[in-house]
Protein backbone atom coordinates (compact mmCIF):
# COMPACT_ATOMS: atom_id res chain seq x y z
CA UNK A 1 107.78 118.70 156.74
CA UNK A 2 107.82 115.42 158.67
CA UNK A 3 109.67 114.88 161.66
CA UNK A 4 113.48 113.88 160.44
CA UNK A 5 113.46 117.19 158.71
CA UNK A 6 112.21 119.10 161.65
CA UNK A 7 115.09 117.54 163.72
CA UNK A 8 117.74 118.25 160.74
CA UNK A 9 116.45 121.61 160.16
CA UNK A 10 116.64 122.17 163.91
CA UNK A 11 120.72 120.83 163.95
CA UNK A 12 121.05 123.09 160.59
CA UNK A 13 120.07 126.28 163.33
CA UNK A 14 121.58 125.76 166.11
CA UNK A 15 125.01 124.87 164.10
CA UNK A 16 124.45 128.22 162.64
CA UNK A 17 124.52 129.95 165.70
CA UNK A 18 127.28 128.01 166.94
CA UNK A 19 129.55 128.53 163.91
CA UNK A 20 128.28 132.39 164.09
CA UNK A 21 130.05 132.37 167.72
CA UNK A 22 133.31 130.88 165.99
CA UNK A 23 133.61 132.86 162.95
CA UNK A 24 132.96 135.90 165.63
CA UNK A 25 135.77 134.79 168.34
CA UNK A 26 138.63 133.56 165.22
CA UNK A 27 137.65 137.22 163.30
CA UNK A 28 138.53 139.29 166.04
CA UNK A 29 141.90 137.65 166.50
CA UNK A 30 142.69 138.06 162.61
CA UNK A 31 140.09 141.40 161.51
CA UNK A 32 139.47 143.27 165.10
CA UNK A 33 136.11 143.51 166.26
CA UNK A 34 133.82 145.87 163.77
CA UNK A 35 134.82 143.26 161.28
CA UNK A 36 134.32 140.04 162.80
CA UNK A 37 130.93 141.60 163.82
CA UNK A 38 130.17 141.88 159.99
CA UNK A 39 131.30 138.39 159.42
CA UNK A 40 129.21 136.99 161.73
CA UNK A 41 126.26 138.87 161.20
CA UNK A 42 124.43 137.09 158.42
CA UNK A 43 125.04 133.61 160.24
CA UNK A 44 123.77 134.77 163.53
CA UNK A 45 120.53 136.20 161.51
CA UNK A 46 119.81 133.04 159.55
CA UNK A 47 119.97 130.60 162.31
CA UNK A 48 118.27 132.86 164.74
CA UNK A 49 115.21 133.19 161.74
CA UNK A 50 114.95 129.50 161.62
CA UNK A 51 115.00 129.08 165.47
CA UNK A 52 112.21 131.47 165.22
CA UNK A 53 110.54 129.36 162.37
CA UNK A 54 110.55 126.22 163.76
CA UNK A 55 110.09 126.95 167.43
CA UNK A 56 106.30 128.56 165.53
CA UNK A 57 106.04 125.62 163.60
CA UNK A 58 106.31 123.28 167.35
CA UNK A 59 103.22 125.50 168.54
CA UNK A 60 101.27 125.20 165.89
CA UNK A 61 101.81 121.33 165.27
CA UNK A 62 100.92 121.23 169.53
CA UNK A 63 97.97 123.37 168.75
CA UNK A 64 97.10 121.27 165.97
CA UNK A 65 96.60 124.22 163.24
CA UNK A 66 100.15 122.65 161.25
CA UNK A 67 100.73 119.37 161.59
CA UNK A 68 104.28 118.47 161.10
CA UNK A 69 104.09 114.45 159.52
CA UNK A 70 105.12 111.67 161.47
CA UNK A 71 107.42 108.95 159.91
CA UNK A 72 105.35 105.82 158.59
CA UNK A 73 106.93 102.34 160.66
């Protein structure tokens, strides 16, 4: 994975977390609280797991164990 792929994946992860809040809000208006929680949970979990992966990957890159490739100029 290069840096541009890393950034794209980070944007997708944050987008999933934000989308989960939007889905929960509209879900509460349309279906009720319990159903809204069920609708937003997969988005929140996938987004959170991606963010944890990216954090670990960035930490390992900083330490030098697993580098994130730099694009060719």
